[in-house]
C-alpha cells in the first residue's frame, strides 16, 4: 500500500492565448525550405552566368542563408548601377542594346531576391530557431505548442496551441506544478521530478501516476537516479492482465 505522503502526478492541457490558425509545422518548414534553397542556388548560378562577380561563401550543404542572399542582392544592385552609367553614355544601336537586356535580367533577379527569397529564408531561419525540440509553435505565441485538447462544449477536439500543465499533489494538496511545451506526458515526468527533488530531496519515497507516464526510461530514472519507488503502469498493462 502507498501512504498518503506519496507524490501523485497528473497533467492537463491549457489552451494558450493564441489564435489556433497561426500554426507553424517543422515538417512543412523543412520541406519548403529545401525547395527555397534549390531555387536560390539556381538563381545564384544564373547571376554568375550573367557575368556578376559573386564572391559569396556557400554552406557545406550548398544552401545560402539570408545574410549571404542579401550580399548577393547588394552585388547585383551594384552591377545594375554600373550598367545604368554605361547605358546613359552609349549610342543607339541597331537591334537594341545588349546592356539594356542584361540590366533587365539583373533587375528581375534582384526583384526575386528582395521580395521572395530573402524574406522567406528569414522566416524559415526564425522558425528553425523557435522550434527547439518541438515540432510546432503558434505565430501569435511562439512559446505555445500545438497539442490535441479535450473536446470543448462544441465537440471540437482539434489541435490547439497550448501548454502541458503538470501537477504533483501530496496528502490531497497540490504542492508542485510546472508548465511544459511537450504535449506528451511521458516526456515531462523526468524534468518535472528533477525540479521537485532538487528543491525538496525528501519530498516522498513514492511516485504515483497513470499509464500516460509509463516508460522504461521513466522507471529507470525514478529507481536508479532518484532512488525512489514508483507505481506507474505501462500502456498495455491492463490488457495484459
C-alpha atoms as a PDB file:
ATOM      1  CA  UNK A   1       0.000   0.000   0.000  1.00  0.00           C
ATOM      2  CA  UNK A   2       1.130   3.540  -0.790  1.00  0.00           C
ATOM      3  CA  UNK A   3       0.814   6.003   2.116  1.00  0.00           C
ATOM      4  CA  UNK A   4      -0.727   9.466   1.807  1.00  0.00           C
ATOM      5  CA  UNK A   5       2.687  11.135   1.565  1.00  0.00           C
ATOM      6  CA  UNK A   6       3.213   9.746  -1.937  1.00  0.00           C
ATOM      7  CA  UNK A   7       3.514  12.178  -4.832  1.00  0.00           C
ATOM      8  CA  UNK A   8       0.583  11.837  -7.221  1.00  0.00           C
ATOM      9  CA  UNK A   9       1.447  13.171 -10.675  1.00  0.00           C
ATOM     10  CA  UNK A  10      -1.172  14.313 -13.153  1.00  0.00           C
ATOM     11  CA  UNK A  11      -1.281  16.610 -16.153  1.00  0.00           C
ATOM     12  CA  UNK A  12      -3.694  18.648 -18.203  1.00  0.00           C
ATOM     13  CA  UNK A  13      -3.511  20.783 -21.340  1.00  0.00           C
ATOM     14  CA  UNK A  14      -4.028  24.525 -21.047  1.00  0.00           C
ATOM     15  CA  UNK A  15      -5.056  26.467 -24.137  1.00  0.00           C
ATOM     16  CA  UNK A  16      -2.781  29.397 -24.892  1.00  0.00           C
ATOM     17  CA  UNK A  17      -3.992  32.909 -25.614  1.00  0.00           C
ATOM     18  CA  UNK A  18      -3.081  32.424 -29.264  1.00  0.00           C
ATOM     19  CA  UNK A  19      -5.018  32.038 -32.488  1.00  0.00           C
ATOM     20  CA  UNK A  20      -5.434  28.361 -33.382  1.00  0.00           C
ATOM     21  CA  UNK A  21      -4.934  29.136 -37.090  1.00  0.00           C
ATOM     22  CA  UNK A  22      -1.408  30.546 -36.651  1.00  0.00           C
ATOM     23  CA  UNK A  23       0.395  27.205 -36.615  1.00  0.00           C
ATOM     24  CA  UNK A  24       3.912  26.605 -37.941  1.00  0.00           C
ATOM     25  CA  UNK A  25       4.907  22.958 -38.501  1.00  0.00           C
ATOM     26  CA  UNK A  26       8.501  21.717 -38.583  1.00  0.00           C
ATOM     27  CA  UNK A  27       7.938  19.258 -41.445  1.00  0.00           C
ATOM     28  CA  UNK A  28       6.335  21.958 -43.567  1.00  0.00           C
ATOM     29  CA  UNK A  29       9.217  24.348 -42.907  1.00  0.00           C
ATOM     30  CA  UNK A  30      11.831  21.702 -43.733  1.00  0.00           C
ATOM     31  CA  UNK A  31      10.046  20.770 -46.958  1.00  0.00           C
ATOM     32  CA  UNK A  32       9.541  24.339 -48.174  1.00  0.00           C
ATOM     33  CA  UNK A  33      12.991  25.499 -47.098  1.00  0.00           C
ATOM     34  CA  UNK A  34      14.680  22.779 -49.169  1.00  0.00           C
ATOM     35  CA  UNK A  35      12.688  23.941 -52.198  1.00  0.00           C
ATOM     36  CA  UNK A  36      13.680  27.537 -51.489  1.00  0.00           C
ATOM     37  CA  UNK A  37      17.362  26.577 -51.208  1.00  0.00           C
ATOM     38  CA  UNK A  38      17.181  24.808 -54.559  1.00  0.00           C
ATOM     39  CA  UNK A  39      15.590  27.888 -56.128  1.00  0.00           C
ATOM     40  CA  UNK A  40      18.243  30.151 -54.559  1.00  0.00           C
ATOM     41  CA  UNK A  41      21.074  28.007 -55.892  1.00  0.00           C
ATOM     42  CA  UNK A  42      19.612  28.081 -59.389  1.00  0.00           C
ATOM     43  CA  UNK A  43      19.311  31.867 -59.244  1.00  0.00           C
ATOM     44  CA  UNK A  44      22.871  32.101 -57.911  1.00  0.00           C
ATOM     45  CA  UNK A  45      24.124  30.187 -60.964  1.00  0.00           C
ATOM     46  CA  UNK A  46      22.078  32.351 -63.338  1.00  0.00           C
ATOM     47  CA  UNK A  47      23.528  35.536 -61.845  1.00  0.00           C
ATOM     48  CA  UNK A  48      27.071  34.217 -62.311  1.00  0.00           C
ATOM     49  CA  UNK A  49      26.237  33.326 -65.925  1.00  0.00           C
ATOM     50  CA  UNK A  50      25.262  36.982 -66.399  1.00  0.00           C
ATOM     51  CA  UNK A  51      28.822  37.978 -65.509  1.00  0.00           C
ATOM     52  CA  UNK A  52      28.267  39.247 -61.987  1.00  0.00           C
ATOM     53  CA  UNK A  53      31.208  38.637 -59.674  1.00  0.00           C
ATOM     54  CA  UNK A  54      29.754  36.838 -56.616  1.00  0.00           C
ATOM     55  CA  UNK A  55      32.417  36.085 -54.037  1.00  0.00           C
ATOM     56  CA  UNK A  56      29.831  34.694 -51.635  1.00  0.00           C
ATOM     57  CA  UNK A  57      30.577  31.746 -49.403  1.00  0.00           C
ATOM     58  CA  UNK A  58      28.139  28.850 -49.708  1.00  0.00           C
ATOM     59  CA  UNK A  59      27.409  26.454 -46.853  1.00  0.00           C
ATOM     60  CA  UNK A  60      28.641  22.878 -46.951  1.00  0.00           C
ATOM     61  CA  UNK A  61      25.146  21.668 -47.860  1.00  0.00           C
ATOM     62  CA  UNK A  62      25.045  24.049 -50.826  1.00  0.00           C
ATOM     63  CA  UNK A  63      22.457  26.437 -49.357  1.00  0.00           C
ATOM     64  CA  UNK A  64      22.718  30.181 -48.874  1.00  0.00           C
ATOM     65  CA  UNK A  65      21.482  31.791 -45.667  1.00  0.00           C
ATOM     66  CA  UNK A  66      19.598  35.087 -45.582  1.00  0.00           C
ATOM     67  CA  UNK A  67      22.767  37.107 -44.898  1.00  0.00           C
ATOM     68  CA  UNK A  68      24.509  35.654 -47.947  1.00  0.00           C
ATOM     69  CA  UNK A  69      21.444  36.214 -50.114  1.00  0.00           C
ATOM     70  CA  UNK A  70      21.441  39.847 -49.017  1.00  0.00           C
ATOM     71  CA  UNK A  71      25.106  40.146 -50.071  1.00  0.00           C
ATOM     72  CA  UNK A  72      24.196  38.667 -53.468  1.00  0.00           C
ATOM     73  CA  UNK A  73      21.418  41.229 -53.827  1.00  0.00           C
ATOM     74  CA  UNK A  74      23.840  44.035 -52.996  1.00  0.00           C
ATOM     75  CA  UNK A  75      26.312  42.897 -55.646  1.00  0.00           C
ATOM     76  CA  UNK A  76      23.538  42.664 -58.247  1.00  0.00           C
ATOM     77  CA  UNK A  77      22.410  46.188 -57.321  1.00  0.00           C
ATOM     78  CA  UNK A  78      25.958  47.480 -57.785  1.00  0.00           C
ATOM     79  CA  UNK A  79      26.150  45.848 -61.201  1.00  0.00           C
ATOM     80  CA  UNK A  80      22.826  47.449 -62.177  1.00  0.00           C
ATOM     81  CA  UNK A  81      24.188  50.871 -61.140  1.00  0.00           C
ATOM     82  CA  UNK A  82      27.269  50.305 -63.317  1.00  0.00           C
ATOM     83  CA  UNK A  83      25.077  49.338 -66.257  1.00  0.00           C
ATOM     84  CA  UNK A  84      22.978  52.466 -65.774  1.00  0.00           C
ATOM     85  CA  UNK A  85      26.086  54.585 -66.245  1.00  0.00           C
ATOM     86  CA  UNK A  86      27.176  52.628 -69.320  1.00  0.00           C
ATOM     87  CA  UNK A  87      23.723  52.799 -70.903  1.00  0.00           C
ATOM     88  CA  UNK A  88      23.471  56.543 -70.265  1.00  0.00           C
ATOM     89  CA  UNK A  89      26.624  57.145 -72.312  1.00  0.00           C
ATOM     90  CA  UNK A  90      26.173  54.630 -75.126  1.00  0.00           C
ATOM     91  CA  UNK A  91      24.806  55.421 -78.535  1.00  0.00           C
ATOM     92  CA  UNK A  92      21.670  53.906 -80.046  1.00  0.00           C
ATOM     93  CA  UNK A  93      22.470  50.560 -81.668  1.00  0.00           C
ATOM     94  CA  UNK A  94      20.531  48.618 -84.313  1.00  0.00           C
ATOM     95  CA  UNK A  95      18.708  45.670 -82.736  1.00  0.00           C
ATOM     96  CA  UNK A  96      18.707  47.219 -79.286  1.00  0.00           C
ATOM     97  CA  UNK A  97      21.266  47.490 -76.518  1.00  0.00           C
ATOM     98  CA  UNK A  98      22.759  44.305 -75.107  1.00  0.00           C
ATOM     99  CA  UNK A  99      23.462  46.148 -71.858  1.00  0.00           C
ATOM    100  CA  UNK A 100      19.773  47.022 -71.501  1.00  0.00           C
ATOM    101  CA  UNK A 101      18.787  43.369 -71.946  1.00  0.00           C
ATOM    102  CA  UNK A 102      21.352  42.347 -69.336  1.00  0.00           C
ATOM    103  CA  UNK A 103      20.129  45.067 -66.961  1.00  0.00           C
ATOM    104  CA  UNK A 104      16.545  43.870 -67.400  1.00  0.00           C
ATOM    105  CA  UNK A 105      17.556  40.339 -66.372  1.00  0.00           C
ATOM    106  CA  UNK A 106      19.510  41.547 -63.351  1.00  0.00           C
ATOM    107  CA  UNK A 107      16.579  43.694 -62.194  1.00  0.00           C
ATOM    108  CA  UNK A 108      14.350  40.629 -62.402  1.00  0.00           C
ATOM    109  CA  UNK A 109      16.840  38.572 -60.382  1.00  0.00           C
ATOM    110  CA  UNK A 110      17.133  41.303 -57.750  1.00  0.00           C
ATOM    111  CA  UNK A 111      13.349  41.601 -57.518  1.00  0.00           C
ATOM    112  CA  UNK A 112      13.118  37.865 -56.777  1.00  0.00           C
ATOM    113  CA  UNK A 113      15.796  38.161 -54.112  1.00  0.00           C
ATOM    114  CA  UNK A 114      14.265  41.136 -52.308  1.00  0.00           C
ATOM    115  CA  UNK A 115      10.571  40.218 -52.486  1.00  0.00           C
ATOM    116  CA  UNK A 116      10.683  36.423 -52.270  1.00  0.00           C
ATOM    117  CA  UNK A 117      13.892  34.581 -51.441  1.00  0.00           C
ATOM    118  CA  UNK A 118      15.342  36.754 -48.671  1.00  0.00           C
ATOM    119  CA  UNK A 119      12.087  37.313 -46.683  1.00  0.00           C
ATOM    120  CA  UNK A 120      11.114  33.635 -46.876  1.00  0.00           C
ATOM    121  CA  UNK A 121      14.606  32.487 -45.863  1.00  0.00           C
ATOM    122  CA  UNK A 122      14.500  34.788 -42.840  1.00  0.00           C
ATOM    123  CA  UNK A 123      11.121  33.366 -41.849  1.00  0.00           C
ATOM    124  CA  UNK A 124      12.432  29.801 -42.096  1.00  0.00           C
ATOM    125  CA  UNK A 125      15.532  30.659 -40.067  1.00  0.00           C
ATOM    126  CA  UNK A 126      13.352  32.232 -37.376  1.00  0.00           C
ATOM    127  CA  UNK A 127      11.085  29.171 -37.352  1.00  0.00           C
ATOM    128  CA  UNK A 128      14.011  26.733 -37.012  1.00  0.00           C
ATOM    129  CA  UNK A 129      15.405  28.778 -34.133  1.00  0.00           C
ATOM    130  CA  UNK A 130      11.992  28.918 -32.434  1.00  0.00           C
ATOM    131  CA  UNK A 131      11.180  25.196 -32.737  1.00  0.00           C
ATOM    132  CA  UNK A 132      13.882  23.959 -30.379  1.00  0.00           C
ATOM    133  CA  UNK A 133      12.990  20.297 -29.799  1.00  0.00           C
ATOM    134  CA  UNK A 134       9.330  20.905 -30.732  1.00  0.00           C
ATOM    135  CA  UNK A 135       7.503  20.146 -33.976  1.00  0.00           C
ATOM    136  CA  UNK A 136       5.206  23.183 -33.952  1.00  0.00           C
ATOM    137  CA  UNK A 137       4.568  26.621 -32.491  1.00  0.00           C
ATOM    138  CA  UNK A 138       1.960  29.389 -32.768  1.00  0.00           C
ATOM    139  CA  UNK A 139       2.843  32.626 -34.541  1.00  0.00           C
ATOM    140  CA  UNK A 140       0.956  34.745 -32.003  1.00  0.00           C
ATOM    141  CA  UNK A 141       2.539  32.939 -29.017  1.00  0.00           C
ATOM    142  CA  UNK A 142       5.773  31.296 -30.082  1.00  0.00           C
ATOM    143  CA  UNK A 143       6.140  29.524 -26.716  1.00  0.00           C
ATOM    144  CA  UNK A 144       2.863  27.636 -27.263  1.00  0.00           C
ATOM    145  CA  UNK A 145       2.939  24.201 -28.897  1.00  0.00           C
ATOM    146  CA  UNK A 146       0.061  22.657 -30.832  1.00  0.00           C
ATOM    147  CA  UNK A 147      -1.439  19.724 -28.947  1.00  0.00           C
ATOM    148  CA  UNK A 148      -4.674  17.793 -29.026  1.00  0.00           C
ATOM    149  CA  UNK A 149      -7.012  19.184 -26.390  1.00  0.00           C
ATOM    150  CA  UNK A 150     -10.055  17.583 -24.826  1.00  0.00           C
ATOM    151  CA  UNK A 151     -13.317  18.348 -26.584  1.00  0.00           C
ATOM    152  CA  UNK A 152     -14.862  21.711 -25.807  1.00  0.00           C
ATOM    153  CA  UNK A 153     -18.662  22.216 -25.389  1.00  0.00           C
ATOM    154  CA  UNK A 154     -18.975  22.371 -29.184  1.00  0.00           C
ATOM    155  CA  UNK A 155     -17.350  18.910 -29.503  1.00  0.00           C
ATOM    156  CA  UNK A 156     -14.215  20.386 -31.066  1.00  0.00           C
ATOM    157  CA  UNK A 157     -11.148  18.337 -30.210  1.00  0.00           C
ATOM    158  CA  UNK A 158      -8.723  19.559 -32.827  1.00  0.00           C
ATOM    159  CA  UNK A 159      -5.122  20.605 -32.327  1.00  0.00           C
ATOM    160  CA  UNK A 160      -4.823  23.907 -30.486  1.00  0.00           C
ATOM    161  CA  UNK A 161      -1.875  25.952 -29.207  1.00  0.00           C
ATOM    162  CA  UNK A 162      -1.275  25.386 -25.535  1.00  0.00           C
ATOM    163  CA  UNK A 163       0.901  24.201 -22.679  1.00  0.00           C
ATOM    164  CA  UNK A 164       1.111  20.958 -20.740  1.00  0.00           C
ATOM    165  CA  UNK A 165       0.499  21.702 -17.051  1.00  0.00           C
ATOM    166  CA  UNK A 166       1.948  19.110 -14.673  1.00  0.00           C
ATOM    167  CA  UNK A 167       0.794  18.994 -11.046  1.00  0.00           C
ATOM    168  CA  UNK A 168       2.054  16.891  -8.130  1.00  0.00           C
ATOM    169  CA  UNK A 169      -0.219  16.500  -5.109  1.00  0.00           C
ATOM    170  CA  UNK A 170       0.549  15.136  -1.659  1.00  0.00           C
ATOM    171  CA  UNK A 171      -1.949  14.456   1.106  1.00  0.00           C
ATOM    172  CA  UNK A 172      -4.582  15.832  -1.300  1.00  0.00           C
ATOM    173  CA  UNK A 173      -2.789  19.196  -1.592  1.00  0.00           C
ATOM    174  CA  UNK A 174      -1.362  20.423  -4.897  1.00  0.00           C
ATOM    175  CA  UNK A 175       2.188  21.328  -3.868  1.00  0.00           C
ATOM    176  CA  UNK A 176       4.153  21.406  -7.117  1.00  0.00           C
ATOM    177  CA  UNK A 177       3.416  22.441 -10.677  1.00  0.00           C
ATOM    178  CA  UNK A 178       5.268  23.253 -13.873  1.00  0.00           C
ATOM    179  CA  UNK A 179       4.443  24.178 -17.480  1.00  0.00           C
ATOM    180  CA  UNK A 180       5.906  22.255 -20.399  1.00  0.00           C
ATOM    181  CA  UNK A 181       5.936  22.727 -24.152  1.00  0.00           C
ATOM    182  CA  UNK A 182       5.924  18.973 -24.714  1.00  0.00           C
ATOM    183  CA  UNK A 183       2.450  17.591 -25.471  1.00  0.00           C
ATOM    184  CA  UNK A 184       3.153  14.024 -24.257  1.00  0.00           C
ATOM    185  CA  UNK A 185       3.122  13.382 -20.501  1.00  0.00           C
ATOM    186  CA  UNK A 186       5.785  10.685 -20.807  1.00  0.00           C
ATOM    187  CA  UNK A 187       8.419  13.257 -21.718  1.00  0.00           C
ATOM    188  CA  UNK A 188       7.520  15.658 -18.915  1.00  0.00           C
ATOM    189  CA  UNK A 189       7.962  13.307 -15.950  1.00  0.00           C
ATOM    190  CA  UNK A 190      11.770  13.333 -15.712  1.00  0.00           C
ATOM    191  CA  UNK A 191      12.248  17.136 -15.831  1.00  0.00           C
ATOM    192  CA  UNK A 192       9.257  17.626 -13.514  1.00  0.00           C
ATOM    193  CA  UNK A 193      10.529  15.199 -10.871  1.00  0.00           C
ATOM    194  CA  UNK A 194      14.055  16.567 -11.244  1.00  0.00           C
ATOM    195  CA  UNK A 195      12.823  20.026 -10.264  1.00  0.00           C
ATOM    196  CA  UNK A 196      10.776  18.693  -7.361  1.00  0.00           C
ATOM    197  CA  UNK A 197      13.515  16.612  -5.768  1.00  0.00           C
ATOM    198  CA  UNK A 198      16.163  19.247  -6.454  1.00  0.00           C
ATOM    199  CA  UNK A 199      14.146  21.641  -4.261  1.00  0.00           C
ATOM    200  CA  UNK A 200      12.928  19.016  -1.754  1.00  0.00           C
ATOM    201  CA  UNK A 201      15.115  15.881  -1.781  1.00  0.00           C
ATOM    202  CA  UNK A 202      12.939  14.115   0.814  1.00  0.00           C
ATOM    203  CA  UNK A 203       9.580  15.113  -0.651  1.00  0.00           C
ATOM    204  CA  UNK A 204       8.409  11.492  -0.807  1.00  0.00           C
ATOM    205  CA  UNK A 205       9.622   7.945  -1.210  1.00  0.00           C
ATOM    206  CA  UNK A 206       6.841   7.076  -3.649  1.00  0.00           C
ATOM    207  CA  UNK A 207       5.793   8.406  -7.061  1.00  0.00           C
ATOM    208  CA  UNK A 208       2.313   7.530  -8.340  1.00  0.00           C
ATOM    209  CA  UNK A 209       0.984   8.307 -11.826  1.00  0.00           C
ATOM    210  CA  UNK A 210      -1.244   6.835 -14.529  1.00  0.00           C
ATOM    211  CA  UNK A 211      -0.202   4.860 -17.603  1.00  0.00           C
ATOM    212  CA  UNK A 212       0.377   8.022 -19.612  1.00  0.00           C
ATOM    213  CA  UNK A 213       3.701   8.375 -17.775  1.00  0.00           C
ATOM    214  CA  UNK A 214       4.768   4.750 -18.139  1.00  0.00           C
ATOM    215  CA  UNK A 215       8.052   4.176 -19.971  1.00  0.00           C
ATOM    216  CA  UNK A 216      11.240   2.242 -19.314  1.00  0.00           C
ATOM    217  CA  UNK A 217      13.251   5.478 -19.233  1.00  0.00           C
ATOM    218  CA  UNK A 218      10.973   6.963 -16.559  1.00  0.00           C
ATOM    219  CA  UNK A 219      11.060   3.792 -14.466  1.00  0.00           C
ATOM    220  CA  UNK A 220      14.850   3.692 -14.600  1.00  0.00           C
ATOM    221  CA  UNK A 221      15.165   7.371 -13.709  1.00  0.00           C
ATOM    222  CA  UNK A 222      12.940   7.061 -10.626  1.00  0.00           C
ATOM    223  CA  UNK A 223      14.536   3.877  -9.308  1.00  0.00           C
ATOM    224  CA  UNK A 224      18.202   4.478 -10.244  1.00  0.00           C
ATOM    225  CA  UNK A 225      18.684   8.247 -10.251  1.00  0.00           C
ATOM    226  CA  UNK A 226      16.167   9.317  -7.606  1.00  0.00           C
ATOM    227  CA  UNK A 227      16.315   6.040  -5.671  1.00  0.00           C
ATOM    228  CA  UNK A 228      12.559   6.186  -5.137  1.00  0.00           C
ATOM    229  CA  UNK A 229       9.759   3.684  -5.620  1.00  0.00           C
ATOM    230  CA  UNK A 230       7.081   4.088  -8.277  1.00  0.00           C
ATOM    231  CA  UNK A 231       3.572   2.880  -9.004  1.00  0.00           C
ATOM    232  CA  UNK A 232       3.142   3.701 -12.683  1.00  0.00           C
ATOM    233  CA  UNK A 233       1.556   1.128 -15.028  1.00  0.00           C
ATOM    234  CA  UNK A 234       2.600   0.979 -18.660  1.00  0.00           C
ATOM    235  CA  UNK A 235       0.258   1.400 -21.616  1.00  0.00           C
ATOM    236  CA  UNK A 236      -0.598  -2.291 -22.226  1.00  0.00           C
ATOM    237  CA  UNK A 237      -0.710  -3.278 -18.540  1.00  0.00           C
ATOM    238  CA  UNK A 238      -4.477  -3.718 -18.233  1.00  0.00           C
ATOM    239  CA  UNK A 239      -4.815  -5.661 -21.494  1.00  0.00           C
ATOM    240  CA  UNK A 240      -2.002  -7.996 -20.490  1.00  0.00           C
ATOM    241  CA  UNK A 241      -3.794  -8.748 -17.235  1.00  0.00           C
END
